[in-house]
Amino acid sequence: MVGTILLAVNQGSQLLAREVDLVTVLRALANYAIPYVVSSIGYLKAPSGAPHPLGRKAGGRDSRNDGPDTARA
C-alpha cells in the first residue's frame, strides 16, 4: 500500500505520460523495497525486553493479573 502511494506521488506523471525508462523502473521498485526494508529493520531491532503494547508479559500472561507467579526456576 505504501509503495503504491509513493509510486503514484513520485512517478505518477511519468507513468501517465508513458515516459518509462530504466531509471524510472528502478525508482518504482525502490518505492516498494525501501518501506519493506525499513519496517523489517525496525522489527528486528526492537528491544526484546520492551513492554508489550497491550500490557502482556512474555508467555502471554496479563501483567494486570495480581495472582501468584507459578513459574519455577
PDB file of N, CA and C in Angstrom:
ATOM      1  N   MET A   1       0.826  -1.192   0.000  1.00  0.00           N
ATOM      2  CA  MET A   1       0.000   0.000   0.000  1.00  0.00           C
ATOM      3  C   MET A   1       0.870   1.255   0.000  1.00  0.00           C
ATOM      4  N   VAL A   2       1.858   1.289   0.896  1.00  0.00           N
ATOM      5  CA  VAL A   2       2.732   2.461   0.971  1.00  0.00           C
ATOM      6  C   VAL A   2       3.506   2.617  -0.327  1.00  0.00           C
ATOM      7  N   GLY A   3       3.993   1.520  -0.871  1.00  0.00           N
ATOM      8  CA  GLY A   3       4.732   1.577  -2.129  1.00  0.00           C
ATOM      9  C   GLY A   3       3.900   2.111  -3.269  1.00  0.00           C
ATOM     10  N   THR A   4       2.646   1.732  -3.315  1.00  0.00           N
ATOM     11  CA  THR A   4       1.759   2.208  -4.375  1.00  0.00           C
ATOM     12  C   THR A   4       1.517   3.710  -4.257  1.00  0.00           C
ATOM     13  N   ILE A   5       1.334   4.183  -3.037  1.00  0.00           N
ATOM     14  CA  ILE A   5       1.154   5.624  -2.824  1.00  0.00           C
ATOM     15  C   ILE A   5       2.414   6.380  -3.219  1.00  0.00           C
ATOM     16  N   LEU A   6       3.568   5.872  -2.803  1.00  0.00           N
ATOM     17  CA  LEU A   6       4.825   6.521  -3.172  1.00  0.00           C
ATOM     18  C   LEU A   6       5.035   6.504  -4.689  1.00  0.00           C
ATOM     19  N   LEU A   7       4.670   5.404  -5.324  1.00  0.00           N
ATOM     20  CA  LEU A   7       4.790   5.309  -6.777  1.00  0.00           C
ATOM     21  C   LEU A   7       3.914   6.358  -7.460  1.00  0.00           C
ATOM     22  N   ALA A   8       2.694   6.510  -6.998  1.00  0.00           N
ATOM     23  CA  ALA A   8       1.785   7.493  -7.593  1.00  0.00           C
ATOM     24  C   ALA A   8       2.300   8.913  -7.403  1.00  0.00           C
ATOM     25  N   VAL A   9       2.834   9.207  -6.236  1.00  0.00           N
ATOM     26  CA  VAL A   9       3.336  10.558  -5.956  1.00  0.00           C
ATOM     27  C   VAL A   9       4.636  10.830  -6.710  1.00  0.00           C
ATOM     28  N   ASN A  10       5.564   9.886  -6.667  1.00  0.00           N
ATOM     29  CA  ASN A  10       6.898  10.122  -7.211  1.00  0.00           C
ATOM     30  C   ASN A  10       7.005   9.927  -8.726  1.00  0.00           C
ATOM     31  N   GLN A  11       6.357   8.909  -9.266  1.00  0.00           N
ATOM     32  CA  GLN A  11       6.487   8.609 -10.686  1.00  0.00           C
ATOM     33  C   GLN A  11       5.157   8.631 -11.428  1.00  0.00           C
ATOM     34  N   GLY A  12       4.110   9.101 -10.805  1.00  0.00           N
ATOM     35  CA  GLY A  12       2.790   9.094 -11.424  1.00  0.00           C
ATOM     36  C   GLY A  12       2.739   9.837 -12.747  1.00  0.00           C
ATOM     37  N   SER A  13       3.314  11.030 -12.807  1.00  0.00           N
ATOM     38  CA  SER A  13       3.256  11.815 -14.047  1.00  0.00           C
ATOM     39  C   SER A  13       4.055  11.144 -15.165  1.00  0.00           C
ATOM     40  N   GLN A  14       5.179  10.522 -14.833  1.00  0.00           N
ATOM     41  CA  GLN A  14       5.967   9.821 -15.846  1.00  0.00           C
ATOM     42  C   GLN A  14       5.214   8.602 -16.372  1.00  0.00           C
ATOM     43  N   LEU A  15       4.551   7.895 -15.476  1.00  0.00           N
ATOM     44  CA  LEU A  15       3.803   6.710 -15.900  1.00  0.00           C
ATOM     45  C   LEU A  15       2.611   7.094 -16.775  1.00  0.00           C
ATOM     46  N   LEU A  16       1.909   8.158 -16.407  1.00  0.00           N
ATOM     47  CA  LEU A  16       0.765   8.600 -17.207  1.00  0.00           C
ATOM     48  C   LEU A  16       1.196   9.114 -18.573  1.00  0.00           C
ATOM     49  N   ALA A  17       2.382   9.735 -18.645  1.00  0.00           N
ATOM     50  CA  ALA A  17       2.893  10.244 -19.917  1.00  0.00           C
ATOM     51  C   ALA A  17       3.611   9.151 -20.710  1.00  0.00           C
ATOM     52  N   ARG A  18       3.692   7.957 -20.132  1.00  0.00           N
ATOM     53  CA  ARG A  18       4.382   6.810 -20.751  1.00  0.00           C
ATOM     54  C   ARG A  18       5.844   7.108 -21.047  1.00  0.00           C
ATOM     55  N   GLU A  19       6.478   7.839 -20.135  1.00  0.00           N
ATOM     56  CA  GLU A  19       7.911   8.149 -20.231  1.00  0.00           C
ATOM     57  C   GLU A  19       8.664   7.241 -19.261  1.00  0.00           C
ATOM     58  N   VAL A  20       8.657   5.971 -19.562  1.00  0.00           N
ATOM     59  CA  VAL A  20       9.255   4.997 -18.664  1.00  0.00           C
ATOM     60  C   VAL A  20      10.587   4.528 -19.238  1.00  0.00           C
ATOM     61  N   ASP A  21      11.631   4.714 -18.442  1.00  0.00           N
ATOM     62  CA  ASP A  21      12.954   4.214 -18.815  1.00  0.00           C
ATOM     63  C   ASP A  21      13.474   3.375 -17.649  1.00  0.00           C
ATOM     64  N   LEU A  22      14.702   2.916 -17.758  1.00  0.00           N
ATOM     65  CA  LEU A  22      15.274   2.041 -16.732  1.00  0.00           C
ATOM     66  C   LEU A  22      15.328   2.736 -15.373  1.00  0.00           C
ATOM     67  N   VAL A  23      15.675   4.019 -15.351  1.00  0.00           N
ATOM     68  CA  VAL A  23      15.773   4.752 -14.087  1.00  0.00           C
ATOM     69  C   VAL A  23      14.401   4.836 -13.416  1.00  0.00           C
ATOM     70  N   THR A  24      13.366   5.064 -14.190  1.00  0.00           N
ATOM     71  CA  THR A  24      12.011   5.130 -13.641  1.00  0.00           C
ATOM     72  C   THR A  24      11.596   3.785 -13.055  1.00  0.00           C
ATOM     73  N   VAL A  25      11.939   2.715 -13.736  1.00  0.00           N
ATOM     74  CA  VAL A  25      11.615   1.376 -13.238  1.00  0.00           C
ATOM     75  C   VAL A  25      12.353   1.097 -11.937  1.00  0.00           C
ATOM     76  N   LEU A  26      13.627   1.458 -11.859  1.00  0.00           N
ATOM     77  CA  LEU A  26      14.399   1.247 -10.632  1.00  0.00           C
ATOM     78  C   LEU A  26      13.840   2.075  -9.482  1.00  0.00           C
ATOM     79  N   ARG A  27      13.438   3.310  -9.750  1.00  0.00           N
ATOM     80  CA  ARG A  27      12.839   4.149  -8.713  1.00  0.00           C
ATOM     81  C   ARG A  27      11.497   3.577  -8.263  1.00  0.00           C
ATOM     82  N   ALA A  28      10.738   3.050  -9.205  1.00  0.00           N
ATOM     83  CA  ALA A  28       9.454   2.441  -8.860  1.00  0.00           C
ATOM     84  C   ALA A  28       9.670   1.227  -7.953  1.00  0.00           C
ATOM     85  N   LEU A  29      10.651   0.415  -8.262  1.00  0.00           N
ATOM     86  CA  LEU A  29      10.963  -0.741  -7.409  1.00  0.00           C
ATOM     87  C   LEU A  29      11.423  -0.294  -6.026  1.00  0.00           C
ATOM     88  N   ALA A  30      12.184   0.791  -5.964  1.00  0.00           N
ATOM     89  CA  ALA A  30      12.647   1.315  -4.677  1.00  0.00           C
ATOM     90  C   ALA A  30      11.476   1.793  -3.828  1.00  0.00           C
ATOM     91  N   ASN A  31      10.417   2.302  -4.473  1.00  0.00           N
ATOM     92  CA  ASN A  31       9.237   2.743  -3.733  1.00  0.00           C
ATOM     93  C   ASN A  31       8.605   1.601  -2.944  1.00  0.00           C
ATOM     94  N   TYR A  32       8.763   0.387  -3.409  1.00  0.00           N
ATOM     95  CA  TYR A  32       8.241  -0.775  -2.697  1.00  0.00           C
ATOM     96  C   TYR A  32       9.279  -1.374  -1.754  1.00  0.00           C
ATOM     97  N   ALA A  33      10.539  -1.398  -2.170  1.00  0.00           N
ATOM     98  CA  ALA A  33      11.580  -2.064  -1.387  1.00  0.00           C
ATOM     99  C   ALA A  33      11.955  -1.293  -0.128  1.00  0.00           C
ATOM    100  N   ILE A  34      12.074   0.014  -0.218  1.00  0.00           N
ATOM    101  CA  ILE A  34      12.561   0.802   0.921  1.00  0.00           C
ATOM    102  C   ILE A  34      11.616   0.725   2.122  1.00  0.00           C
ATOM    103  N   PRO A  35      10.300   0.920   1.982  1.00  0.00           N
ATOM    104  CA  PRO A  35       9.442   0.775   3.169  1.00  0.00           C
ATOM    105  C   PRO A  35       9.498  -0.636   3.770  1.00  0.00           C
ATOM    106  N   TYR A  36       9.620  -1.653   2.920  1.00  0.00           N
ATOM    107  CA  TYR A  36       9.724  -3.028   3.418  1.00  0.00           C
ATOM    108  C   TYR A  36      10.999  -3.216   4.237  1.00  0.00           C
ATOM    109  N   VAL A  37      12.117  -2.727   3.732  1.00  0.00           N
ATOM    110  CA  VAL A  37      13.395  -2.878   4.431  1.00  0.00           C
ATOM    111  C   VAL A  37      13.381  -2.110   5.749  1.00  0.00           C
ATOM    112  N   VAL A  38      12.881  -0.883   5.737  1.00  0.00           N
ATOM    113  CA  VAL A  38      12.836  -0.075   6.957  1.00  0.00           C
ATOM    114  C   VAL A  38      11.946  -0.746   8.004  1.00  0.00           C
ATOM    115  N   SER A  39      10.814  -1.253   7.590  1.00  0.00           N
ATOM    116  CA  SER A  39       9.917  -1.939   8.522  1.00  0.00           C
ATOM    117  C   SER A  39      10.574  -3.194   9.088  1.00  0.00           C
ATOM    118  N   SER A  40      11.248  -3.954   8.253  1.00  0.00           N
ATOM    119  CA  SER A  40      11.909  -5.180   8.705  1.00  0.00           C
ATOM    120  C   SER A  40      13.030  -4.878   9.683  1.00  0.00           C
ATOM    121  N   ILE A  41      13.815  -3.854   9.399  1.00  0.00           N
ATOM    122  CA  ILE A  41      14.907  -3.478  10.310  1.00  0.00           C
ATOM    123  C   ILE A  41      14.336  -3.018  11.645  1.00  0.00           C
ATOM    124  N   GLY A  42      13.274  -2.233  11.614  1.00  0.00           N
ATOM    125  CA  GLY A  42      12.645  -1.789  12.853  1.00  0.00           C
ATOM    126  C   GLY A  42      12.135  -2.946  13.684  1.00  0.00           C
ATOM    127  N   TYR A  43      11.570  -3.935  13.030  1.00  0.00           N
ATOM    128  CA  TYR A  43      11.080  -5.118  13.738  1.00  0.00           C
ATOM    129  C   TYR A  43      12.234  -5.896  14.357  1.00  0.00           C
ATOM    130  N   LEU A  44      13.314  -6.065  13.605  1.00  0.00           N
ATOM    131  CA  LEU A  44      14.441  -6.847  14.099  1.00  0.00           C
ATOM    132  C   LEU A  44      15.234  -6.121  15.173  1.00  0.00           C
ATOM    133  N   LYS A  45      15.229  -4.803  15.162  1.00  0.00           N
ATOM    134  CA  LYS A  45      15.987  -4.018  16.140  1.00  0.00           C
ATOM    135  C   LYS A  45      15.196  -3.720  17.404  1.00  0.00           C
ATOM    136  N   ALA A  46      13.919  -4.064  17.453  1.00  0.00           N
ATOM    137  CA  ALA A  46      13.099  -3.770  18.633  1.00  0.00           C
ATOM    138  C   ALA A  46      13.681  -4.489  19.839  1.00  0.00           C
ATOM    139  N   PRO A  47      13.779  -3.790  20.955  1.00  0.00           N
ATOM    140  CA  PRO A  47      14.335  -4.439  22.151  1.00  0.00           C
ATOM    141  C   PRO A  47      13.441  -5.579  22.619  1.00  0.00           C
ATOM    142  N   SER A  48      14.058  -6.702  22.951  1.00  0.00           N
ATOM    143  CA  SER A  48      13.276  -7.875  23.336  1.00  0.00           C
ATOM    144  C   SER A  48      12.653  -7.713  24.713  1.00  0.00           C
ATOM    145  N   GLY A  49      13.196  -6.840  25.543  1.00  0.00           N
ATOM    146  CA  GLY A  49      12.658  -6.645  26.878  1.00  0.00           C
ATOM    147  C   GLY A  49      11.640  -5.527  26.954  1.00  0.00           C
ATOM    148  N   ALA A  50      11.249  -5.009  25.819  1.00  0.00           N
ATOM    149  CA  ALA A  50      10.284  -3.907  25.809  1.00  0.00           C
ATOM    150  C   ALA A  50       8.917  -4.405  26.271  1.00  0.00           C
ATOM    151  N   PRO A  51       8.184  -3.562  26.976  1.00  0.00           N
ATOM    152  CA  PRO A  51       6.850  -3.986  27.411  1.00  0.00           C
ATOM    153  C   PRO A  51       5.927  -4.182  26.221  1.00  0.00           C
ATOM    154  N   HIS A  52       5.050  -5.137  26.348  1.00  0.00           N
ATOM    155  CA  HIS A  52       4.080  -5.416  25.288  1.00  0.00           C
ATOM    156  C   HIS A  52       3.091  -4.265  25.233  1.00  0.00           C
ATOM    157  N   PRO A  53       2.712  -3.819  24.025  1.00  0.00           N
ATOM    158  CA  PRO A  53       1.805  -2.669  23.933  1.00  0.00           C
ATOM    159  C   PRO A  53       0.433  -2.899  24.561  1.00  0.00           C
ATOM    160  N   LEU A  54       0.046  -4.156  24.765  1.00  0.00           N
ATOM    161  CA  LEU A  54      -1.247  -4.442  25.378  1.00  0.00           C
ATOM    162  C   LEU A  54      -1.112  -4.814  26.850  1.00  0.00           C
ATOM    163  N   GLY A  55       0.082  -4.641  27.404  1.00  0.00           N
ATOM    164  CA  GLY A  55       0.283  -4.893  28.822  1.00  0.00           C
ATOM    165  C   GLY A  55       0.519  -6.343  29.182  1.00  0.00           C
ATOM    166  N   ARG A  56       0.828  -7.182  28.214  1.00  0.00           N
ATOM    167  CA  ARG A  56       1.048  -8.601  28.484  1.00  0.00           C
ATOM    168  C   ARG A  56       2.520  -8.874  28.699  1.00  0.00           C
ATOM    169  N   LYS A  57       2.795  -9.816  29.584  1.00  0.00           N
ATOM    170  CA  LYS A  57       4.163 -10.259  29.808  1.00  0.00           C
ATOM    171  C   LYS A  57       4.518 -11.328  28.782  1.00  0.00           C
ATOM    172  N   ALA A  58       5.786 -11.631  28.681  1.00  0.00           N
ATOM    173  CA  ALA A  58       6.220 -12.713  27.802  1.00  0.00           C
ATOM    174  C   ALA A  58       5.540 -14.004  28.239  1.00  0.00           C
ATOM    175  N   GLY A  59       5.114 -14.786  27.308  1.00  0.00           N
ATOM    176  CA  GLY A  59       4.435 -16.025  27.614  1.00  0.00           C
ATOM    177  C   GLY A  59       2.930 -15.880  27.617  1.00  0.00           C
ATOM    178  N   GLY A  60       2.432 -14.678  27.323  1.00  0.00           N
ATOM    179  CA  GLY A  60       1.004 -14.486  27.189  1.00  0.00           C
ATOM    180  C   GLY A  60       0.269 -14.121  28.460  1.00  0.00           C
ATOM    181  N   ARG A  61       0.969 -14.033  29.603  1.00  0.00           N
ATOM    182  CA  ARG A  61       0.297 -13.654  30.843  1.00  0.00           C
ATOM    183  C   ARG A  61      -0.024 -12.180  30.848  1.00  0.00           C
ATOM    184  N   ASP A  62      -1.091 -11.819  31.459  1.00  0.00           N
ATOM    185  CA  ASP A  62      -1.516 -10.433  31.551  1.00  0.00           C
ATOM    186  C   ASP A  62      -0.829  -9.806  32.762  1.00  0.00           C
ATOM    187  N   SER A  63      -0.124  -8.682  32.560  1.00  0.00           N
ATOM    188  CA  SER A  63       0.606  -8.043  33.648  1.00  0.00           C
ATOM    189  C   SER A  63      -0.333  -7.463  34.699  1.00  0.00           C
ATOM    190  N   ARG A  64      -1.623  -7.322  34.376  1.00  0.00           N
ATOM    191  CA  ARG A  64      -2.574  -6.793  35.342  1.00  0.00           C
ATOM    192  C   ARG A  64      -3.073  -7.868  36.298  1.00  0.00           C
ATOM    193  N   ASN A  65      -2.691  -9.119  36.059  1.00  0.00           N
ATOM    194  CA  ASN A  65      -3.089 -10.215  36.919  1.00  0.00           C
ATOM    195  C   ASN A  65      -2.247 -10.154  38.185  1.00  0.00           C
ATOM    196  N   ASP A  66      -2.900  -9.961  39.331  1.00  0.00           N
ATOM    197  CA  ASP A  66      -2.172  -9.839  40.601  1.00  0.00           C
ATOM    198  C   ASP A  66      -2.021 -11.174  41.290  1.00  0.00           C
ATOM    199  N   GLY A  67      -2.338 -12.259  40.651  1.00  0.00           N
ATOM    200  CA  GLY A  67      -2.245 -13.582  41.271  1.00  0.00           C
ATOM    201  C   GLY A  67      -0.798 -13.986  41.474  1.00  0.00           C
ATOM    202  N   PRO A  68      -0.564 -15.060  42.217  1.00  0.00           N
ATOM    203  CA  PRO A  68       0.802 -15.524  42.480  1.00  0.00           C
ATOM    204  C   PRO A  68       1.471 -16.016  41.199  1.00  0.00           C
ATOM    205  N   ASP A  69       2.764 -15.788  41.128  1.00  0.00           N
ATOM    206  CA  ASP A  69       3.543 -16.245  39.980  1.00  0.00           C
ATOM    207  C   ASP A  69       3.874 -17.711  40.188  1.00  0.00           C
ATOM    208  N   THR A  70       3.466 -18.563  39.286  1.00  0.00           N
ATOM    209  CA  THR A  70       3.687 -20.002  39.442  1.00  0.00           C
ATOM    210  C   THR A  70       4.887 -20.510  38.664  1.00  0.00           C
ATOM    211  N   ALA A  71       5.677 -19.595  38.086  1.00  0.00           N
ATOM    212  CA  ALA A  71       6.847 -20.020  37.323  1.00  0.00           C
ATOM    213  C   ALA A  71       7.886 -20.614  38.251  1.00  0.00           C
ATOM    214  N   ARG A  72       8.512 -21.678  37.820  1.00  0.00           N
ATOM    215  CA  ARG A  72       9.553 -22.334  38.622  1.00  0.00           C
ATOM    216  C   ARG A  72      10.902 -22.083  37.998  1.00  0.00           C
ATOM    217  N   ALA A  73      11.898 -21.975  38.848  1.00  0.00           N
ATOM    218  CA  ALA A  73      13.262 -21.710  38.369  1.00  0.00           C
ATOM    219  C   ALA A  73      13.933 -22.975  37.945  1.00  0.00           C
TER     220      ALA A  73
END
